[in-house]
Amino acid sequence: MIGSKVAHFEITGLLGSGGMGEVYQATDTKLGRSVAIKVLPEAFTHDADRLARFEREARVLASLNHSNIAAIHGLEESGGRRFLVMELVGGETLAERIKRGPIPVDESLQIAKQICEALESAHEKGIIHRDLKPANVKITPEGKVKVLDFGLAKAFEVEQANAALSNSPTIRASHAGVILGTAAYMSPEQARGRSVDKRTDIWAFGCVLYELLIGHAAFGGEDLTDILAAVVRAEPDWNRLPVARRFASCCNAVCAKSGRSVLVTPVLFVLRLRMRYPVRHLPRRSITRGASGRSAWPGPWRRCY
């Protein structure tokens, strides 16, 4: 496809591919700007389930407007193929950054705070990411964090209506083995194929933060079965965290396997970390107050049940 033209977009390079589509760098010849376009593989254009998920991604992204979430510019169709036109985010992914080693505490918390802001914005709209991992987070050359690929995200109403199908770790439409969420970052309930909610993203956030600080995944194994078993039954080595006593209790609160009836807000989690481990250059989030004088933040993050 490189070198070809789709509608008024000239394809200049392949950025990546996965179960939800192929992503290319392109030039918008009408506006003269570089963009990313996500195209469904031609082999799946007649797959009703994939088309439905692809169109859902467009609706989900269109409803999100936040500086830490990659923006969508439009949903297009050309030659019978649908594709999303998205913001082209420069820089490297967290996965690429982590390959060079653990990230210092103050830098990790700054990254974590921006991820939290993105998740909170999505959750306030009833949207969960379901596939948060280092490969889906980019850091621009200016240091801005961008959460990518809400292709597996689901509004809660849709999720509840299709619980039997949508909550399985491997989707029925993916007899080829497409995984809903990368195994090492799945929450225990997601790994078990049970109903998921915002806590799934919070768990994944805790796993990402652990990996930022340590340099490797919190849960590992030789194969998919081993990884899922570790997610469900094992505990990370909290003592390896920097200033272990200060970090372990906070990370454990997010990645707890029991007592998950209470929803911990990621933003509050980072604020708790700040109190335990003061970090310069990490600005405090302003808390707005409603007419009653009570805090209007963090809204739906306070508790789920």
Protein backbone atom coordinates (compact mmCIF):
# COMPACT_ATOMS: atom_id res chain seq x y z
CA MET A 1 0.00 0.00 0.00
CA ILE A 2 2.97 2.30 0.49
CA GLY A 3 3.21 4.76 -2.37
CA SER A 4 -0.49 4.44 -3.22
CA LYS A 5 -3.27 6.95 -2.68
CA VAL A 6 -6.40 6.32 -0.62
CA ALA A 7 -9.00 9.02 -1.17
CA HIS A 8 -6.93 12.22 -0.80
CA PHE A 9 -4.30 10.61 1.40
CA GLU A 10 -0.90 9.56 0.05
CA ILE A 11 0.51 6.57 1.96
CA THR A 12 4.15 7.17 2.86
CA GLY A 13 4.99 4.41 5.34
CA LEU A 14 3.80 1.56 7.55
CA LEU A 15 3.65 2.41 11.26
CA GLY A 16 2.37 -0.92 12.56
CA SER A 17 -0.25 -3.64 12.29
CA GLY A 18 -2.34 -5.75 14.61
CA GLY A 19 -5.61 -7.57 15.04
CA MET A 20 -7.61 -4.36 14.73
CA GLY A 21 -5.99 -3.07 11.54
CA GLU A 22 -2.90 -1.72 9.83
CA VAL A 23 -1.63 1.79 10.60
CA TYR A 24 0.11 3.88 7.98
CA GLN A 25 1.69 7.30 7.88
CA ALA A 26 0.10 9.42 5.18
CA THR A 27 -0.06 12.93 3.81
CA ASP A 28 -3.41 14.71 3.65
CA THR A 29 -3.12 16.38 0.25
CA LYS A 30 -6.08 18.67 0.94
CA LEU A 31 -4.76 20.13 4.18
CA GLY A 32 -1.06 19.53 3.62
CA ARG A 33 -0.44 17.74 6.91
CA SER A 34 0.90 14.37 8.01
CA VAL A 35 -1.59 11.99 9.58
CA ALA A 36 -1.91 8.36 10.64
CA ILE A 37 -4.54 6.23 8.97
CA LYS A 38 -5.78 2.92 10.33
CA VAL A 39 -7.10 0.59 7.66
CA LEU A 40 -8.82 -2.74 8.12
CA PRO A 41 -6.90 -5.49 6.32
CA GLU A 42 -8.61 -6.30 3.02
CA ALA A 43 -9.06 -9.93 4.10
CA PHE A 44 -11.44 -8.79 6.84
CA THR A 45 -13.54 -6.22 5.01
CA HIS A 46 -16.39 -8.71 4.82
CA ASP A 47 -16.11 -9.71 8.49
CA ALA A 48 -19.13 -8.14 10.17
CA ASP A 49 -17.64 -8.39 13.68
CA ARG A 50 -14.39 -6.68 12.71
CA LEU A 51 -16.22 -3.96 10.82
CA ALA A 52 -18.44 -3.34 13.84
CA ARG A 53 -15.41 -3.04 16.15
CA PHE A 54 -13.66 -0.75 13.68
CA GLU A 55 -16.67 1.55 13.46
CA ARG A 56 -16.97 1.49 17.24
CA GLU A 57 -13.37 2.66 17.49
CA ALA A 58 -14.29 5.66 15.36
CA ARG A 59 -17.24 6.54 17.59
CA VAL A 60 -15.21 6.06 20.76
CA LEU A 61 -12.29 8.17 19.63
CA ALA A 62 -14.60 10.87 18.28
CA SER A 63 -16.14 11.25 21.75
CA LEU A 64 -12.73 11.72 23.40
CA ASN A 65 -11.15 15.16 23.38
CA HIS A 66 -8.11 15.28 25.62
CA SER A 67 -4.53 16.42 25.16
CA ASN A 68 -3.21 13.05 26.39
CA ILE A 69 -5.31 11.00 23.95
CA ALA A 70 -4.44 10.68 20.26
CA ALA A 71 -7.14 12.56 18.34
CA ILE A 72 -9.29 11.30 15.48
CA HIS A 73 -9.75 13.53 12.46
CA GLY A 74 -12.35 11.49 10.61
CA LEU A 75 -13.74 8.18 9.38
CA GLU A 76 -13.33 7.66 5.63
CA GLU A 77 -14.08 5.03 3.01
CA SER A 78 -12.39 4.46 -0.32
CA GLY A 79 -12.68 1.55 -2.71
CA GLY A 80 -14.87 -0.32 -0.26
CA ARG A 81 -12.27 -0.06 2.54
CA ARG A 82 -12.88 1.87 5.76
CA PHE A 83 -10.15 3.70 7.57
CA LEU A 84 -9.67 6.14 10.42
CA VAL A 85 -7.73 9.35 9.96
CA MET A 86 -5.91 10.05 13.20
CA GLU A 87 -3.38 12.38 14.74
CA LEU A 88 0.16 11.37 13.86
CA VAL A 89 2.04 11.17 17.15
CA GLY A 90 5.80 11.47 16.97
CA GLY A 91 8.29 10.10 19.46
CA GLU A 92 8.75 6.64 20.94
CA THR A 93 6.46 4.29 22.78
CA LEU A 94 6.96 3.48 26.44
CA ALA A 95 7.81 -0.06 25.37
CA GLU A 96 10.70 1.29 23.29
CA ARG A 97 11.81 3.57 26.11
CA ILE A 98 11.72 0.77 28.69
CA LYS A 99 14.01 -1.37 26.53
CA ARG A 100 16.79 1.02 27.52
CA GLY A 101 16.16 0.32 31.20
CA PRO A 102 14.03 1.49 34.14
CA ILE A 103 12.84 5.10 34.07
CA PRO A 104 13.80 7.37 37.00
CA VAL A 105 11.13 7.84 39.66
CA ASP A 106 10.38 11.50 39.01
CA GLU A 107 10.10 10.96 35.25
CA SER A 108 7.96 7.84 35.76
CA LEU A 109 5.50 9.74 37.94
CA GLN A 110 5.21 12.55 35.43
CA ILE A 111 4.41 9.98 32.74
CA ALA A 112 1.99 8.20 35.08
CA LYS A 113 0.14 11.40 35.88
CA GLN A 114 -0.53 12.10 32.20
CA ILE A 115 -1.73 8.53 31.61
CA CYS A 116 -4.09 9.02 34.56
CA GLU A 117 -5.46 12.21 33.05
CA ALA A 118 -6.21 10.37 29.78
CA LEU A 119 -7.92 7.47 31.56
CA GLU A 120 -9.97 9.76 33.77
CA SER A 121 -11.20 11.70 30.74
CA ALA A 122 -12.24 8.48 29.00
CA HIS A 123 -13.84 6.99 32.10
CA GLU A 124 -15.90 10.11 32.67
CA LYS A 125 -17.48 9.35 29.27
CA GLY A 126 -18.13 5.75 30.25
CA ILE A 127 -15.28 4.42 28.10
CA ILE A 128 -12.68 1.86 29.14
CA HIS A 129 -9.53 1.23 27.15
CA ARG A 130 -9.12 -2.50 27.89
CA ASP A 131 -5.70 -2.65 26.22
CA LEU A 132 -3.52 -0.19 28.13
CA LYS A 133 0.15 -1.23 27.87
CA PRO A 134 3.52 0.43 27.21
CA ALA A 135 3.22 -0.16 23.45
CA ASN A 136 -0.01 1.88 23.45
CA VAL A 137 1.53 4.93 25.12
CA LYS A 138 3.79 7.36 23.28
CA ILE A 139 5.99 10.16 24.53
CA THR A 140 6.46 13.01 22.07
CA PRO A 141 9.83 14.75 21.67
CA GLU A 142 8.34 17.54 23.81
CA GLY A 143 7.61 15.11 26.64
CA LYS A 144 3.85 14.94 26.10
CA VAL A 145 2.23 11.58 26.82
CA LYS A 146 -0.33 10.28 24.33
CA VAL A 147 -2.46 7.19 24.97
CA LEU A 148 -3.07 5.36 21.70
CA ASP A 149 -5.45 2.79 20.29
CA PHE A 150 -8.82 2.79 21.95
CA GLY A 151 -9.80 0.13 19.40
CA LEU A 152 -10.80 -2.30 22.16
CA ALA A 153 -12.55 0.29 24.29
CA LYS A 154 -16.22 -0.20 25.12
CA ALA A 155 -18.97 1.99 26.44
CA PHE A 156 -20.48 0.30 29.50
CA GLU A 157 -23.94 -0.08 27.98
CA VAL A 158 -22.57 -2.05 25.05
CA GLU A 159 -20.40 -4.16 27.30
CA GLN A 160 -23.28 -5.17 29.55
CA ALA A 161 -25.46 -6.00 26.58
CA ASN A 162 -22.86 -8.35 25.11
CA ALA A 163 -21.16 -9.60 28.26
CA ALA A 164 -21.03 -13.27 27.26
CA LEU A 165 -19.12 -12.50 24.07
CA SER A 166 -17.11 -9.41 24.80
CA ASN A 167 -15.56 -10.38 28.12
CA SER A 168 -13.78 -13.49 26.93
CA PRO A 169 -9.98 -13.14 26.79
CA THR A 170 -10.16 -14.47 23.22
CA ILE A 171 -13.06 -13.13 21.22
CA ARG A 172 -15.26 -15.63 19.45
CA ALA A 173 -14.85 -13.82 16.16
CA SER A 174 -11.11 -14.32 16.51
CA HIS A 175 -10.73 -18.02 15.97
CA ALA A 176 -7.28 -16.89 14.78
CA GLY A 177 -6.51 -16.05 18.43
CA VAL A 178 -6.79 -12.27 18.67
CA ILE A 179 -6.44 -11.31 22.34
CA LEU A 180 -8.64 -8.69 23.97
CA GLY A 181 -5.96 -6.90 25.87
CA THR A 182 -2.35 -8.06 26.04
CA ALA A 183 -2.13 -10.86 28.59
CA ALA A 184 0.53 -9.37 30.89
CA TYR A 185 -1.62 -6.27 31.48
CA MET A 186 -5.01 -7.97 31.82
CA SER A 187 -6.80 -7.64 35.13
CA PRO A 188 -7.67 -10.93 36.88
CA GLU A 189 -11.34 -10.55 35.97
CA GLN A 190 -10.44 -9.88 32.34
CA ALA A 191 -8.12 -12.88 32.25
CA ARG A 192 -10.91 -15.05 33.65
CA GLY A 193 -13.32 -13.80 30.99
CA ARG A 194 -15.56 -12.07 33.51
CA SER A 195 -17.31 -8.73 33.36
CA VAL A 196 -14.89 -5.80 33.30
CA ASP A 197 -15.19 -2.14 34.26
CA LYS A 198 -12.90 0.82 34.88
CA ARG A 199 -10.88 -1.20 37.36
CA THR A 200 -9.43 -3.14 34.42
CA ASP A 201 -7.72 0.04 33.20
CA ILE A 202 -6.59 0.87 36.72
CA TRP A 203 -4.99 -2.56 37.07
CA ALA A 204 -3.23 -2.14 33.71
CA PHE A 205 -2.07 1.31 34.80
CA GLY A 206 -0.48 -0.22 37.90
CA CYS A 207 1.27 -2.81 35.73
CA VAL A 208 2.57 -0.08 33.42
CA LEU A 209 3.88 1.99 36.33
CA TYR A 210 5.63 -1.07 37.82
CA GLU A 211 7.27 -1.71 34.45
CA LEU A 212 8.38 1.92 34.14
CA LEU A 213 10.13 1.72 37.50
CA ILE A 214 11.58 -1.81 37.23
CA GLY A 215 12.21 -2.22 33.52
CA HIS A 216 10.27 -5.43 33.00
CA ALA A 217 6.66 -6.58 33.19
CA ALA A 218 5.00 -7.21 36.55
CA PHE A 219 3.63 -10.55 35.36
CA GLY A 220 5.53 -12.85 33.03
CA GLY A 221 5.79 -16.42 31.84
CA GLU A 222 6.99 -18.63 29.01
CA ASP A 223 3.65 -18.68 27.23
CA LEU A 224 0.15 -17.22 27.35
CA THR A 225 -1.08 -19.78 29.88
CA ASP A 226 1.77 -19.03 32.28
CA ILE A 227 1.21 -15.28 32.01
CA LEU A 228 -2.53 -15.53 32.64
CA ALA A 229 -1.88 -17.85 35.60
CA ALA A 230 0.55 -15.28 37.04
CA VAL A 231 -2.00 -12.49 36.60
CA VAL A 232 -4.62 -14.49 38.44
CA ARG A 233 -2.50 -16.04 41.21
CA ALA A 234 1.00 -14.53 41.52
CA GLU A 235 2.25 -11.28 43.05
CA PRO A 236 4.96 -9.02 41.61
CA ASP A 237 8.14 -8.57 43.63
CA TRP A 238 7.17 -5.31 45.33
CA ASN A 239 10.54 -5.14 47.08
CA ARG A 240 12.22 -4.36 43.77
CA LEU A 241 10.42 -1.02 43.54
CA PRO A 242 12.45 2.11 44.26
CA VAL A 243 11.87 3.18 47.87
CA ALA A 244 9.99 -0.11 48.12
CA ARG A 245 8.07 0.54 51.33
CA ARG A 246 6.69 3.79 49.97
CA PHE A 247 5.70 2.44 46.56
CA ALA A 248 4.64 -1.12 47.35
CA SER A 249 1.47 -0.26 49.28
CA CYS A 250 0.34 2.19 46.59
CA CYS A 251 0.99 -0.19 43.69
CA ASN A 252 -0.56 -3.03 45.63
CA ALA A 253 -3.73 -0.97 46.12
CA VAL A 254 -4.10 -0.73 42.35
CA CYS A 255 -3.03 -4.31 41.56
CA ALA A 256 -4.88 -5.95 44.45
CA LYS A 257 -6.46 -9.30 43.64
CA SER A 258 -8.88 -9.05 46.54
CA GLY A 259 -11.05 -6.21 47.74
CA ARG A 260 -11.57 -4.94 44.19
CA SER A 261 -15.12 -3.79 44.98
CA VAL A 262 -13.70 -0.35 45.71
CA LEU A 263 -12.48 1.61 42.72
CA VAL A 264 -9.19 3.41 43.23
CA THR A 265 -8.83 6.43 40.98
CA PRO A 266 -5.50 6.51 39.13
CA VAL A 267 -5.19 10.26 39.71
CA LEU A 268 -5.62 9.78 43.45
CA PHE A 269 -3.10 6.95 43.24
CA VAL A 270 -0.48 9.28 41.77
CA LEU A 271 -1.32 11.93 44.33
CA ARG A 272 -0.76 9.34 47.06
CA LEU A 273 2.59 8.51 45.51
CA ARG A 274 3.47 12.20 45.49
CA MET A 275 2.72 12.44 49.19
CA ARG A 276 4.89 9.42 49.91
CA TYR A 277 7.66 10.38 47.52
CA PRO A 278 7.75 14.14 46.84
CA VAL A 279 8.63 14.92 43.24
CA ARG A 280 9.67 18.29 41.93
CA HIS A 281 8.11 19.55 38.71
CA LEU A 282 5.00 17.37 39.20
CA PRO A 283 2.21 19.98 39.41
CA ARG A 284 -0.76 19.45 41.64
CA ARG A 285 -4.06 18.86 39.89
CA SER A 286 -6.55 21.62 40.62
CA ILE A 287 -9.76 20.46 42.25
CA THR A 288 -12.86 22.31 41.15
CA ARG A 289 -15.77 22.80 43.50
CA GLY A 290 -19.43 22.75 42.69
CA ALA A 291 -22.17 25.07 43.88
CA SER A 292 -22.48 23.08 47.09
CA GLY A 293 -18.86 23.83 47.92
CA ARG A 294 -18.03 20.13 47.86
CA SER A 295 -15.30 18.84 45.62
CA ALA A 296 -16.55 18.19 42.11
CA TRP A 297 -13.52 15.98 41.44
CA PRO A 298 -12.91 13.14 40.76
CA GLY A 299 -16.57 12.65 39.83
CA PRO A 300 -17.35 9.05 38.82
CA TRP A 301 -13.93 7.99 40.07
CA ARG A 302 -14.96 8.11 43.73
CA ARG A 303 -16.50 4.68 43.88
CA CYS A 304 -18.20 2.23 41.55
CA TYR A 305 -20.17 0.35 44.15
